[in-house]
């Protein structure tokens, strides 16, 4: 359950009248937001997840690194010993998948976080 309280009013004057009434209650004032536009309230209730964005950025970087790792693996194996197109695509695919998973974990908790907490 959300710890925030949102009030939507029909005009800015009505919003200014509501604030003194809210201050008289036992509710923390930091958790109250009064807006006069419904779209603003929806944006406050459903903010874009920063963790998700950081995980996506990490996944993209991880995918690139995974494909490079898979290509390096194929070059080390050599053209003579690659087990066909299916084997080469599986090596590249699994390297990319591992890179995506690792990048999502590292991205959401590590170097790709946009605001770090001290």
C-alpha atoms as a PDB file:
ATOM      1  CA  UNK A   1       0.000   0.000   0.000  1.00  0.00           C
ATOM      2  CA  UNK A   2       1.238   3.463  -0.876  1.00  0.00           C
ATOM      3  CA  UNK A   3       2.476   5.741   1.887  1.00  0.00           C
ATOM      4  CA  UNK A   4       1.630   8.817  -0.180  1.00  0.00           C
ATOM      5  CA  UNK A   5      -1.691  10.657  -0.303  1.00  0.00           C
ATOM      6  CA  UNK A   6      -2.787  12.453  -3.472  1.00  0.00           C
ATOM      7  CA  UNK A   7      -5.579  15.024  -3.741  1.00  0.00           C
ATOM      8  CA  UNK A   8      -6.942  16.093  -7.111  1.00  0.00           C
ATOM      9  CA  UNK A   9      -8.858  19.360  -7.173  1.00  0.00           C
ATOM     10  CA  UNK A  10     -10.764  21.053  -9.961  1.00  0.00           C
ATOM     11  CA  UNK A  11      -8.956  24.399  -9.662  1.00  0.00           C
ATOM     12  CA  UNK A  12      -5.768  25.855  -8.249  1.00  0.00           C
ATOM     13  CA  UNK A  13      -7.754  28.009  -5.798  1.00  0.00           C
ATOM     14  CA  UNK A  14      -9.415  24.923  -4.375  1.00  0.00           C
ATOM     15  CA  UNK A  15      -6.004  23.284  -4.033  1.00  0.00           C
ATOM     16  CA  UNK A  16      -4.752  26.270  -2.023  1.00  0.00           C
ATOM     17  CA  UNK A  17      -7.779  25.976   0.293  1.00  0.00           C
ATOM     18  CA  UNK A  18      -7.260  22.258   0.900  1.00  0.00           C
ATOM     19  CA  UNK A  19      -3.625  22.550   2.067  1.00  0.00           C
ATOM     20  CA  UNK A  20      -4.393  24.331   5.406  1.00  0.00           C
ATOM     21  CA  UNK A  21      -7.053  21.733   6.173  1.00  0.00           C
ATOM     22  CA  UNK A  22      -4.613  18.933   5.495  1.00  0.00           C
ATOM     23  CA  UNK A  23      -1.976  20.482   7.767  1.00  0.00           C
ATOM     24  CA  UNK A  24      -4.412  20.202  10.692  1.00  0.00           C
ATOM     25  CA  UNK A  25      -4.569  16.420  10.342  1.00  0.00           C
ATOM     26  CA  UNK A  26      -2.097  13.891  11.798  1.00  0.00           C
ATOM     27  CA  UNK A  27      -0.733  13.019   8.369  1.00  0.00           C
ATOM     28  CA  UNK A  28       2.918  13.823   7.589  1.00  0.00           C
ATOM     29  CA  UNK A  29       2.989  16.848   5.322  1.00  0.00           C
ATOM     30  CA  UNK A  30       5.823  15.421   3.185  1.00  0.00           C
ATOM     31  CA  UNK A  31       3.575  12.631   1.981  1.00  0.00           C
ATOM     32  CA  UNK A  32       0.791  14.886   0.659  1.00  0.00           C
ATOM     33  CA  UNK A  33       0.552  16.248  -2.867  1.00  0.00           C
ATOM     34  CA  UNK A  34      -2.253  18.486  -4.100  1.00  0.00           C
ATOM     35  CA  UNK A  35      -2.557  18.936  -7.865  1.00  0.00           C
ATOM     36  CA  UNK A  36      -5.151  20.582 -10.053  1.00  0.00           C
ATOM     37  CA  UNK A  37      -4.636  18.339 -13.070  1.00  0.00           C
ATOM     38  CA  UNK A  38      -5.499  14.640 -13.186  1.00  0.00           C
ATOM     39  CA  UNK A  39      -2.591  13.789 -15.508  1.00  0.00           C
ATOM     40  CA  UNK A  40      -0.134  15.169 -12.943  1.00  0.00           C
ATOM     41  CA  UNK A  41      -1.637  12.913 -10.281  1.00  0.00           C
ATOM     42  CA  UNK A  42      -1.348   9.849 -12.521  1.00  0.00           C
ATOM     43  CA  UNK A  43       2.292  10.688 -13.192  1.00  0.00           C
ATOM     44  CA  UNK A  44       2.950  10.933  -9.443  1.00  0.00           C
ATOM     45  CA  UNK A  45       1.185   7.643  -8.716  1.00  0.00           C
ATOM     46  CA  UNK A  46       2.923   5.700 -11.522  1.00  0.00           C
ATOM     47  CA  UNK A  47       6.478   7.038 -11.817  1.00  0.00           C
ATOM     48  CA  UNK A  48       8.826   5.480 -14.326  1.00  0.00           C
ATOM     49  CA  UNK A  49      11.001   2.927 -12.583  1.00  0.00           C
ATOM     50  CA  UNK A  50      14.643   3.992 -12.444  1.00  0.00           C
ATOM     51  CA  UNK A  51      15.709   0.482 -11.488  1.00  0.00           C
ATOM     52  CA  UNK A  52      14.055  -0.922 -14.600  1.00  0.00           C
ATOM     53  CA  UNK A  53      15.734   1.648 -16.834  1.00  0.00           C
ATOM     54  CA  UNK A  54      19.111   0.894 -15.223  1.00  0.00           C
ATOM     55  CA  UNK A  55      18.567  -2.845 -15.707  1.00  0.00           C
ATOM     56  CA  UNK A  56      17.716  -2.308 -19.384  1.00  0.00           C
ATOM     57  CA  UNK A  57      20.862  -0.226 -19.897  1.00  0.00           C
ATOM     58  CA  UNK A  58      22.922  -2.934 -18.223  1.00  0.00           C
ATOM     59  CA  UNK A  59      21.236  -5.614 -20.341  1.00  0.00           C
ATOM     60  CA  UNK A  60      22.100  -3.826 -23.563  1.00  0.00           C
ATOM     61  CA  UNK A  61      25.746  -3.474 -22.572  1.00  0.00           C
ATOM     62  CA  UNK A  62      25.756  -7.088 -21.366  1.00  0.00           C
ATOM     63  CA  UNK A  63      24.315  -8.276 -24.684  1.00  0.00           C
ATOM     64  CA  UNK A  64      27.066  -6.546 -26.630  1.00  0.00           C
ATOM     65  CA  UNK A  65      29.747  -7.955 -24.332  1.00  0.00           C
ATOM     66  CA  UNK A  66      28.137 -11.423 -24.520  1.00  0.00           C
ATOM     67  CA  UNK A  67      28.128 -11.385 -28.323  1.00  0.00           C
ATOM     68  CA  UNK A  68      31.761 -10.283 -28.357  1.00  0.00           C
ATOM     69  CA  UNK A  69      32.601 -13.090 -25.945  1.00  0.00           C
ATOM     70  CA  UNK A  70      30.741 -15.605 -28.137  1.00  0.00           C
ATOM     71  CA  UNK A  71      32.526 -14.380 -31.250  1.00  0.00           C
ATOM     72  CA  UNK A  72      35.876 -14.661 -29.446  1.00  0.00           C
ATOM     73  CA  UNK A  73      34.979 -18.194 -28.391  1.00  0.00           C
ATOM     74  CA  UNK A  74      34.170 -19.117 -31.986  1.00  0.00           C
ATOM     75  CA  UNK A  75      37.425 -17.612 -33.212  1.00  0.00           C
ATOM     76  CA  UNK A  76      39.391 -19.589 -30.633  1.00  0.00           C
ATOM     77  CA  UNK A  77      37.625 -22.804 -31.636  1.00  0.00           C
ATOM     78  CA  UNK A  78      38.487 -22.125 -35.259  1.00  0.00           C
ATOM     79  CA  UNK A  79      36.487 -22.537 -38.450  1.00  0.00           C
ATOM     80  CA  UNK A  80      37.457 -26.181 -38.794  1.00  0.00           C
ATOM     81  CA  UNK A  81      36.010 -27.258 -35.457  1.00  0.00           C
ATOM     82  CA  UNK A  82      32.813 -25.184 -35.285  1.00  0.00           C
ATOM     83  CA  UNK A  83      29.921 -27.668 -35.218  1.00  0.00           C
ATOM     84  CA  UNK A  84      27.926 -26.072 -38.056  1.00  0.00           C
ATOM     85  CA  UNK A  85      25.596 -23.103 -38.217  1.00  0.00           C
ATOM     86  CA  UNK A  86      23.391 -24.399 -35.401  1.00  0.00           C
ATOM     87  CA  UNK A  87      26.340 -24.857 -33.063  1.00  0.00           C
ATOM     88  CA  UNK A  88      27.740 -21.427 -33.857  1.00  0.00           C
ATOM     89  CA  UNK A  89      24.343 -19.765 -33.347  1.00  0.00           C
ATOM     90  CA  UNK A  90      23.887 -21.600 -30.027  1.00  0.00           C
ATOM     91  CA  UNK A  91      27.287 -20.422 -28.801  1.00  0.00           C
ATOM     92  CA  UNK A  92      26.488 -16.830 -29.788  1.00  0.00           C
ATOM     93  CA  UNK A  93      22.938 -17.045 -28.416  1.00  0.00           C
ATOM     94  CA  UNK A  94      23.901 -18.451 -25.038  1.00  0.00           C
ATOM     95  CA  UNK A  95      26.770 -15.985 -24.703  1.00  0.00           C
ATOM     96  CA  UNK A  96      24.345 -13.140 -25.457  1.00  0.00           C
ATOM     97  CA  UNK A  97      21.759 -14.509 -23.005  1.00  0.00           C
ATOM     98  CA  UNK A  98      24.360 -14.778 -20.269  1.00  0.00           C
ATOM     99  CA  UNK A  99      25.472 -11.238 -20.997  1.00  0.00           C
ATOM    100  CA  UNK A 100      21.888  -9.947 -20.792  1.00  0.00           C
ATOM    101  CA  UNK A 101      21.259 -11.661 -17.455  1.00  0.00           C
ATOM    102  CA  UNK A 102      24.546 -10.557 -15.962  1.00  0.00           C
ATOM    103  CA  UNK A 103      24.121  -7.032 -17.335  1.00  0.00           C
ATOM    104  CA  UNK A 104      20.623  -6.727 -15.844  1.00  0.00           C
ATOM    105  CA  UNK A 105      21.871  -7.734 -12.404  1.00  0.00           C
ATOM    106  CA  UNK A 106      24.917  -5.501 -12.515  1.00  0.00           C
ATOM    107  CA  UNK A 107      23.005  -2.684 -14.206  1.00  0.00           C
ATOM    108  CA  UNK A 108      20.233  -2.463 -11.640  1.00  0.00           C
ATOM    109  CA  UNK A 109      22.521  -2.647  -8.629  1.00  0.00           C
ATOM    110  CA  UNK A 110      25.942  -1.546  -9.769  1.00  0.00           C
ATOM    111  CA  UNK A 111      27.681   0.697 -12.262  1.00  0.00           C
ATOM    112  CA  UNK A 112      24.654   1.667 -14.374  1.00  0.00           C
ATOM    113  CA  UNK A 113      22.555   3.077 -11.528  1.00  0.00           C
ATOM    114  CA  UNK A 114      21.600   6.671 -12.264  1.00  0.00           C
ATOM    115  CA  UNK A 115      21.368   7.925  -8.678  1.00  0.00           C
ATOM    116  CA  UNK A 116      23.609   6.229  -6.170  1.00  0.00           C
ATOM    117  CA  UNK A 117      22.724   6.288  -2.482  1.00  0.00           C
ATOM    118  CA  UNK A 118      25.507   7.133  -0.082  1.00  0.00           C
END
